[in-house]
Amino acid sequence: MPEIFRFFGYSFFFYSQEHEPLHVHVEGNRGHAKFNWDGDHFSL
């Protein structure tokens, strides 16, 4: 999984060849989230 960057203990990354819509995974000490990208905005 390619890591985009780390920020205050959070890792932002994506998986190549993963399903649509485009999205970014975020992991930290207390859990994880996935943010979808619609071309203009991110949504949780």
N, C-alpha and C. Protein backbone atom coordinates (compact mmCIF):
# COMPACT_ATOMS: atom_id res chain seq x y z
N MET A 1 0.84 -1.17 0.00
CA MET A 1 0.00 0.00 0.00
C MET A 1 0.88 1.23 0.00
N PRO A 2 0.76 2.09 -0.97
CA PRO A 2 1.55 3.31 -1.02
C PRO A 2 1.06 4.32 0.02
N GLU A 3 1.97 4.78 0.86
CA GLU A 3 1.63 5.80 1.84
C GLU A 3 1.80 7.17 1.20
N ILE A 4 0.79 8.01 1.32
CA ILE A 4 0.85 9.36 0.75
C ILE A 4 1.68 10.25 1.66
N PHE A 5 1.33 10.28 2.96
CA PHE A 5 2.12 11.03 3.94
C PHE A 5 1.67 10.68 5.34
N ARG A 6 2.45 11.14 6.33
CA ARG A 6 2.11 11.01 7.75
C ARG A 6 1.97 12.41 8.32
N PHE A 7 0.98 12.56 9.21
CA PHE A 7 0.70 13.88 9.78
C PHE A 7 0.17 13.69 11.19
N PHE A 8 0.88 14.18 12.19
CA PHE A 8 0.49 14.07 13.60
C PHE A 8 0.09 12.66 14.00
N GLY A 9 0.85 11.66 13.57
CA GLY A 9 0.58 10.28 13.95
C GLY A 9 -0.44 9.57 13.09
N TYR A 10 -0.96 10.23 12.06
CA TYR A 10 -1.92 9.62 11.13
C TYR A 10 -1.21 9.24 9.84
N SER A 11 -1.53 8.09 9.32
CA SER A 11 -0.98 7.62 8.06
C SER A 11 -2.06 7.69 6.99
N PHE A 12 -1.80 8.38 5.90
CA PHE A 12 -2.73 8.52 4.77
C PHE A 12 -2.22 7.65 3.64
N PHE A 13 -3.05 6.73 3.15
CA PHE A 13 -2.58 5.79 2.14
C PHE A 13 -3.72 5.34 1.24
N PHE A 14 -3.36 4.62 0.16
CA PHE A 14 -4.35 4.06 -0.75
C PHE A 14 -3.87 2.70 -1.21
N TYR A 15 -4.78 1.93 -1.73
CA TYR A 15 -4.45 0.63 -2.32
C TYR A 15 -4.62 0.75 -3.82
N SER A 16 -3.63 0.34 -4.59
CA SER A 16 -3.78 0.39 -6.04
C SER A 16 -4.76 -0.69 -6.47
N GLN A 17 -5.46 -0.46 -7.54
CA GLN A 17 -6.45 -1.40 -8.10
C GLN A 17 -7.61 -1.68 -7.15
N GLU A 18 -7.97 -0.73 -6.30
CA GLU A 18 -9.09 -0.91 -5.39
C GLU A 18 -10.36 -0.36 -6.03
N HIS A 19 -11.50 -0.64 -5.45
CA HIS A 19 -12.82 -0.31 -5.99
C HIS A 19 -13.06 1.20 -6.08
N GLU A 20 -14.03 1.56 -6.91
CA GLU A 20 -14.50 2.94 -7.02
C GLU A 20 -15.45 3.22 -5.88
N PRO A 21 -15.70 4.43 -5.46
CA PRO A 21 -15.10 5.68 -5.92
C PRO A 21 -13.68 5.82 -5.38
N LEU A 22 -12.94 6.76 -5.97
CA LEU A 22 -11.59 7.04 -5.47
C LEU A 22 -11.68 7.42 -3.99
N HIS A 23 -10.75 6.90 -3.20
CA HIS A 23 -10.78 7.20 -1.78
C HIS A 23 -9.39 7.06 -1.17
N VAL A 24 -9.24 7.63 0.03
CA VAL A 24 -7.99 7.58 0.78
C VAL A 24 -8.30 7.01 2.16
N HIS A 25 -7.46 6.09 2.62
CA HIS A 25 -7.59 5.52 3.95
C HIS A 25 -6.70 6.32 4.90
N VAL A 26 -7.18 6.48 6.15
CA VAL A 26 -6.42 7.17 7.18
C VAL A 26 -6.43 6.29 8.42
N GLU A 27 -5.24 6.04 8.98
CA GLU A 27 -5.14 5.24 10.21
C GLU A 27 -4.34 6.00 11.24
N GLY A 28 -4.80 5.87 12.49
CA GLY A 28 -4.11 6.46 13.62
C GLY A 28 -4.19 5.52 14.81
N ASN A 29 -3.75 5.98 15.97
CA ASN A 29 -3.76 5.16 17.18
C ASN A 29 -5.16 4.74 17.59
N ARG A 30 -6.15 5.57 17.34
CA ARG A 30 -7.49 5.32 17.85
C ARG A 30 -8.47 4.80 16.81
N GLY A 31 -8.00 4.43 15.63
CA GLY A 31 -8.91 3.88 14.64
C GLY A 31 -8.52 4.22 13.22
N HIS A 32 -9.51 4.10 12.34
CA HIS A 32 -9.26 4.37 10.93
C HIS A 32 -10.51 4.96 10.28
N ALA A 33 -10.31 5.56 9.11
CA ALA A 33 -11.41 6.16 8.36
C ALA A 33 -11.10 6.02 6.87
N LYS A 34 -12.14 6.20 6.06
CA LYS A 34 -11.98 6.19 4.61
C LYS A 34 -12.69 7.43 4.06
N PHE A 35 -11.97 8.23 3.30
CA PHE A 35 -12.52 9.44 2.72
C PHE A 35 -12.69 9.24 1.22
N ASN A 36 -13.91 9.42 0.73
CA ASN A 36 -14.21 9.29 -0.70
C ASN A 36 -13.98 10.62 -1.40
N TRP A 37 -13.54 10.56 -2.64
CA TRP A 37 -13.28 11.75 -3.46
C TRP A 37 -14.25 11.73 -4.64
N ASP A 38 -15.05 12.80 -4.80
CA ASP A 38 -16.01 12.85 -5.90
C ASP A 38 -15.53 13.70 -7.07
N GLY A 39 -14.31 14.17 -7.00
CA GLY A 39 -13.74 15.02 -8.06
C GLY A 39 -13.62 16.46 -7.61
N ASP A 40 -14.43 16.86 -6.62
CA ASP A 40 -14.38 18.21 -6.07
C ASP A 40 -14.17 18.25 -4.56
N HIS A 41 -14.74 17.25 -3.86
CA HIS A 41 -14.73 17.25 -2.40
C HIS A 41 -14.46 15.86 -1.84
N PHE A 42 -13.95 15.84 -0.63
CA PHE A 42 -13.83 14.60 0.12
C PHE A 42 -15.02 14.48 1.05
N SER A 43 -15.47 13.25 1.26
CA SER A 43 -16.52 12.98 2.25
C SER A 43 -16.14 11.77 3.06
N LEU A 44 -16.53 11.77 4.32
CA LEU A 44 -16.19 10.69 5.23
C LEU A 44 -17.12 9.52 5.01
